[in-house]
Amino acid sequence: MATELQNLSSQVIKSNFDFSNSKIAIITAEWNSNITLALKKGALDRLLKEGIKVENIFFKEVPGTFELPLAAQWMAEKVEIDALIVLGCVIQGDTPHFDYVCQGVTKGIIDVNLKYNKPIIFGVLTTLNSEQATDRAGGKHGNKGDEAAVTALKMLLLK
């Protein structure tokens, strides 16, 4: 379903599960930092709201979105991490670079999910322009970082 038709940022997790001891890593790309920092804040705020202890949230930064899969793999190797959230933003330009980065990151994150059998949540915006990115990083379409945190917690419930 198109993002414009669905805003999950106000979604409620219907569970009595105690998330407080869950350990979550948030890996954020530095590229397009005005967007990725807003996504990170959205994810952090939601995790805290859902009862995750601040000392159980681990932060890492990578230079760009393309580096997210390797960083996720390194973090997934740590036994104590229950779920990971990767946050990035790729904005289409005039060259096919956008396509290669988006395809590579998507495939990389899928591979790490399956290799480590841990939820690694794809919180990467792949937008046509800056306005679309802003709309999804706390703007009119909510905050996709918040939604990535909800997804991580729902996957922990599923497991």
C-alpha atoms as a PDB file:
ATOM      1  CA  MET A   1       0.000   0.000   0.000  1.00  0.00           C
ATOM      2  CA  ALA A   2       1.282   3.442  -0.813  1.00  0.00           C
ATOM      3  CA  THR A   3       2.802   5.402   2.058  1.00  0.00           C
ATOM      4  CA  GLU A   4       0.452   8.280   1.405  1.00  0.00           C
ATOM      5  CA  LEU A   5      -2.437   5.990   2.298  1.00  0.00           C
ATOM      6  CA  GLN A   6      -0.912   4.591   5.472  1.00  0.00           C
ATOM      7  CA  ASN A   7       0.660   6.298   8.458  1.00  0.00           C
ATOM      8  CA  LEU A   8       1.640   3.787  11.119  1.00  0.00           C
ATOM      9  CA  SER A   9       3.387   6.250  13.428  1.00  0.00           C
ATOM     10  CA  SER A  10       0.408   6.312  15.782  1.00  0.00           C
ATOM     11  CA  GLN A  11       0.065   2.532  15.803  1.00  0.00           C
ATOM     12  CA  VAL A  12      -0.422   0.832  19.166  1.00  0.00           C
ATOM     13  CA  ILE A  13       1.308  -2.440  19.991  1.00  0.00           C
ATOM     14  CA  LYS A  14      -1.357  -4.683  21.495  1.00  0.00           C
ATOM     15  CA  SER A  15       0.608  -6.872  23.856  1.00  0.00           C
ATOM     16  CA  ASN A  16       1.416  -7.258  27.513  1.00  0.00           C
ATOM     17  CA  PHE A  17       4.938  -8.388  26.639  1.00  0.00           C
ATOM     18  CA  ASP A  18       7.659  -6.735  28.720  1.00  0.00           C
ATOM     19  CA  PHE A  19      10.127  -5.286  26.201  1.00  0.00           C
ATOM     20  CA  SER A  20      12.303  -3.661  28.876  1.00  0.00           C
ATOM     21  CA  ASN A  21      15.135  -6.195  28.622  1.00  0.00           C
ATOM     22  CA  SER A  22      15.097  -6.441  24.821  1.00  0.00           C
ATOM     23  CA  LYS A  23      18.311  -5.228  23.236  1.00  0.00           C
ATOM     24  CA  ILE A  24      17.905  -3.207  20.060  1.00  0.00           C
ATOM     25  CA  ALA A  25      20.573  -1.733  17.790  1.00  0.00           C
ATOM     26  CA  ILE A  26      19.848   1.322  15.685  1.00  0.00           C
ATOM     27  CA  ILE A  27      22.274   1.833  12.805  1.00  0.00           C
ATOM     28  CA  THR A  28      21.978   5.177  11.063  1.00  0.00           C
ATOM     29  CA  ALA A  29      23.533   6.426   7.833  1.00  0.00           C
ATOM     30  CA  GLU A  30      25.191   9.835   8.107  1.00  0.00           C
ATOM     31  CA  TRP A  31      24.375  10.740   4.485  1.00  0.00           C
ATOM     32  CA  ASN A  32      21.229  12.910   4.309  1.00  0.00           C
ATOM     33  CA  SER A  33      21.632  13.388   8.062  1.00  0.00           C
ATOM     34  CA  ASN A  34      18.817  15.923   8.341  1.00  0.00           C
ATOM     35  CA  ILE A  35      16.494  13.048   7.396  1.00  0.00           C
ATOM     36  CA  THR A  36      18.265  10.113   9.052  1.00  0.00           C
ATOM     37  CA  LEU A  37      18.602  11.868  12.410  1.00  0.00           C
ATOM     38  CA  ALA A  38      14.845  12.507  12.389  1.00  0.00           C
ATOM     39  CA  LEU A  39      14.282   8.810  11.640  1.00  0.00           C
ATOM     40  CA  LYS A  40      16.626   7.880  14.491  1.00  0.00           C
ATOM     41  CA  LYS A  41      14.760  10.149  16.896  1.00  0.00           C
ATOM     42  CA  GLY A  42      11.457   8.595  15.825  1.00  0.00           C
ATOM     43  CA  ALA A  43      12.792   5.074  16.419  1.00  0.00           C
ATOM     44  CA  LEU A  44      14.351   5.969  19.776  1.00  0.00           C
ATOM     45  CA  ASP A  45      11.253   7.756  21.030  1.00  0.00           C
ATOM     46  CA  ARG A  46       9.061   4.771  20.151  1.00  0.00           C
ATOM     47  CA  LEU A  47      11.397   2.225  21.763  1.00  0.00           C
ATOM     48  CA  LEU A  48      11.471   4.232  24.976  1.00  0.00           C
ATOM     49  CA  LYS A  49       7.690   4.660  24.874  1.00  0.00           C
ATOM     50  CA  GLU A  50       7.311   0.890  24.593  1.00  0.00           C
ATOM     51  CA  GLY A  51       9.469   0.341  27.683  1.00  0.00           C
ATOM     52  CA  ILE A  52      12.899  -0.501  26.280  1.00  0.00           C
ATOM     53  CA  LYS A  53      15.557   0.613  28.752  1.00  0.00           C
ATOM     54  CA  VAL A  54      17.854   3.266  27.315  1.00  0.00           C
ATOM     55  CA  GLU A  55      20.893   1.168  28.272  1.00  0.00           C
ATOM     56  CA  ASN A  56      19.522  -1.612  26.036  1.00  0.00           C
ATOM     57  CA  ILE A  57      19.533   0.557  22.910  1.00  0.00           C
ATOM     58  CA  PHE A  58      22.799   0.571  20.973  1.00  0.00           C
ATOM     59  CA  PHE A  59      23.656   3.213  18.400  1.00  0.00           C
ATOM     60  CA  LYS A  60      26.053   2.963  15.471  1.00  0.00           C
ATOM     61  CA  GLU A  61      26.584   5.268  12.528  1.00  0.00           C
ATOM     62  CA  VAL A  62      27.879   4.511   9.061  1.00  0.00           C
ATOM     63  CA  PRO A  63      28.935   6.955   6.332  1.00  0.00           C
ATOM     64  CA  GLY A  64      26.131   6.126   3.909  1.00  0.00           C
ATOM     65  CA  THR A  65      23.180   3.885   3.270  1.00  0.00           C
ATOM     66  CA  PHE A  66      25.241   1.395   1.257  1.00  0.00           C
ATOM     67  CA  GLU A  67      27.268   0.575   4.392  1.00  0.00           C
ATOM     68  CA  LEU A  68      24.199  -0.438   6.417  1.00  0.00           C
ATOM     69  CA  PRO A  69      24.206  -4.183   5.561  1.00  0.00           C
ATOM     70  CA  LEU A  70      27.788  -4.774   6.733  1.00  0.00           C
ATOM     71  CA  ALA A  71      27.236  -2.807   9.930  1.00  0.00           C
ATOM     72  CA  ALA A  72      24.027  -4.776  10.495  1.00  0.00           C
ATOM     73  CA  GLN A  73      25.944  -8.009  10.023  1.00  0.00           C
ATOM     74  CA  TRP A  74      28.586  -6.963  12.560  1.00  0.00           C
ATOM     75  CA  MET A  75      25.880  -6.040  15.070  1.00  0.00           C
ATOM     76  CA  ALA A  76      23.824  -9.183  14.361  1.00  0.00           C
ATOM     77  CA  GLU A  77      26.884 -11.284  15.222  1.00  0.00           C
ATOM     78  CA  LYS A  78      26.591 -10.001  18.776  1.00  0.00           C
ATOM     79  CA  VAL A  79      24.502 -12.578  20.596  1.00  0.00           C
ATOM     80  CA  GLU A  80      22.981 -10.028  22.964  1.00  0.00           C
ATOM     81  CA  ILE A  81      21.284  -8.016  20.192  1.00  0.00           C
ATOM     82  CA  ASP A  82      17.650  -9.111  19.748  1.00  0.00           C
ATOM     83  CA  ALA A  83      16.726  -6.886  16.795  1.00  0.00           C
ATOM     84  CA  LEU A  84      18.295  -4.228  14.602  1.00  0.00           C
ATOM     85  CA  ILE A  85      16.858  -1.187  12.900  1.00  0.00           C
ATOM     86  CA  VAL A  86      18.755   0.243   9.940  1.00  0.00           C
ATOM     87  CA  LEU A  87      17.954   3.809   8.942  1.00  0.00           C
ATOM     88  CA  GLY A  88      19.011   5.568   5.785  1.00  0.00           C
ATOM     89  CA  CYS A  89      17.798   7.828   3.029  1.00  0.00           C
ATOM     90  CA  VAL A  90      18.525   7.600  -0.675  1.00  0.00           C
ATOM     91  CA  ILE A  91      17.173  10.404  -2.849  1.00  0.00           C
ATOM     92  CA  GLN A  92      17.030   9.822  -6.589  1.00  0.00           C
ATOM     93  CA  GLY A  93      19.365  11.910  -8.701  1.00  0.00           C
ATOM     94  CA  ASP A  94      20.191  12.120 -12.386  1.00  0.00           C
ATOM     95  CA  THR A  95      22.219   8.899 -12.591  1.00  0.00           C
ATOM     96  CA  PRO A  96      21.482   5.204 -12.004  1.00  0.00           C
ATOM     97  CA  HIS A  97      23.483   5.369  -8.740  1.00  0.00           C
ATOM     98  CA  PHE A  98      20.151   5.498  -6.856  1.00  0.00           C
ATOM     99  CA  ASP A  99      19.075   2.155  -8.328  1.00  0.00           C
ATOM    100  CA  TYR A 100      22.333   0.409  -7.466  1.00  0.00           C
ATOM    101  CA  VAL A 101      22.389   1.683  -3.890  1.00  0.00           C
ATOM    102  CA  CYS A 102      18.735   0.812  -3.265  1.00  0.00           C
ATOM    103  CA  GLN A 103      19.050  -2.675  -4.769  1.00  0.00           C
ATOM    104  CA  GLY A 104      22.319  -3.404  -2.979  1.00  0.00           C
ATOM    105  CA  VAL A 105      21.088  -2.296   0.432  1.00  0.00           C
ATOM    106  CA  THR A 106      17.789  -4.133   0.087  1.00  0.00           C
ATOM    107  CA  LYS A 107      19.493  -7.383  -0.896  1.00  0.00           C
ATOM    108  CA  GLY A 108      22.139  -6.950   1.809  1.00  0.00           C
ATOM    109  CA  ILE A 109      19.596  -6.447   4.578  1.00  0.00           C
ATOM    110  CA  ILE A 110      17.547  -9.445   3.422  1.00  0.00           C
ATOM    111  CA  ASP A 111      20.681 -11.600   3.473  1.00  0.00           C
ATOM    112  CA  VAL A 112      21.639 -10.527   7.000  1.00  0.00           C
ATOM    113  CA  ASN A 113      18.078 -11.153   8.258  1.00  0.00           C
ATOM    114  CA  LEU A 114      18.150 -14.707   7.007  1.00  0.00           C
ATOM    115  CA  LYS A 115      21.764 -15.444   7.923  1.00  0.00           C
ATOM    116  CA  TYR A 116      21.402 -14.431  11.573  1.00  0.00           C
ATOM    117  CA  ASN A 117      17.719 -15.272  12.069  1.00  0.00           C
ATOM    118  CA  LYS A 118      17.151 -11.907  13.743  1.00  0.00           C
ATOM    119  CA  PRO A 119      14.809  -9.111  12.792  1.00  0.00           C
ATOM    120  CA  ILE A 120      16.734  -6.493  10.870  1.00  0.00           C
ATOM    121  CA  ILE A 121      14.256  -3.814  10.023  1.00  0.00           C
ATOM    122  CA  PHE A 122      14.603  -1.909   6.762  1.00  0.00           C
ATOM    123  CA  GLY A 123      14.058   1.729   7.677  1.00  0.00           C
ATOM    124  CA  VAL A 124      15.587   3.110   4.501  1.00  0.00           C
ATOM    125  CA  LEU A 125      13.725   5.813   2.637  1.00  0.00           C
ATOM    126  CA  THR A 126      14.038   5.506  -1.136  1.00  0.00           C
ATOM    127  CA  THR A 127      12.510   8.722  -2.383  1.00  0.00           C
ATOM    128  CA  LEU A 128      12.324  10.682  -5.581  1.00  0.00           C
ATOM    129  CA  ASN A 129      13.090  14.016  -3.898  1.00  0.00           C
ATOM    130  CA  SER A 130      13.868  15.749  -0.607  1.00  0.00           C
ATOM    131  CA  GLU A 131      10.246  16.699  -0.012  1.00  0.00           C
ATOM    132  CA  GLN A 132       9.177  13.041  -0.035  1.00  0.00           C
ATOM    133  CA  ALA A 133      11.955  12.217   2.427  1.00  0.00           C
ATOM    134  CA  THR A 134      10.953  15.047   4.771  1.00  0.00           C
ATOM    135  CA  ASP A 135       7.314  13.963   4.600  1.00  0.00           C
ATOM    136  CA  ARG A 136       8.359  10.507   5.852  1.00  0.00           C
ATOM    137  CA  ALA A 137      10.789  11.676   8.545  1.00  0.00           C
ATOM    138  CA  GLY A 138       8.251  13.318  10.822  1.00  0.00           C
ATOM    139  CA  GLY A 139       6.216  15.147   8.199  1.00  0.00           C
ATOM    140  CA  LYS A 140       2.751  14.540   6.845  1.00  0.00           C
ATOM    141  CA  HIS A 141       3.369  10.804   6.327  1.00  0.00           C
ATOM    142  CA  GLY A 142       4.566  10.224   9.887  1.00  0.00           C
ATOM    143  CA  ASN A 143       8.003   9.047  10.891  1.00  0.00           C
ATOM    144  CA  LYS A 144       9.237   5.859   9.274  1.00  0.00           C
ATOM    145  CA  GLY A 145      11.817   5.502  12.073  1.00  0.00           C
ATOM    146  CA  ASP A 146       8.940   5.177  14.519  1.00  0.00           C
ATOM    147  CA  GLU A 147       7.333   2.611  12.224  1.00  0.00           C
ATOM    148  CA  ALA A 148      10.607   0.669  11.979  1.00  0.00           C
ATOM    149  CA  ALA A 149      10.710   0.461  15.794  1.00  0.00           C
ATOM    150  CA  VAL A 150       7.132  -0.832  15.869  1.00  0.00           C
ATOM    151  CA  THR A 151       8.059  -3.438  13.263  1.00  0.00           C
ATOM    152  CA  ALA A 152      11.094  -4.554  15.290  1.00  0.00           C
ATOM    153  CA  LEU A 153       8.998  -5.044  18.403  1.00  0.00           C
ATOM    154  CA  LYS A 154       6.245  -6.869  16.532  1.00  0.00           C
ATOM    155  CA  MET A 155       8.848  -9.218  15.079  1.00  0.00           C
ATOM    156  CA  LEU A 156      10.158  -9.919  18.588  1.00  0.00           C
ATOM    157  CA  LEU A 157       6.605 -10.763  19.624  1.00  0.00           C
ATOM    158  CA  LEU A 158       6.270 -13.093  16.654  1.00  0.00           C
ATOM    159  CA  LYS A 159       9.431 -14.967  17.556  1.00  0.00           C
END
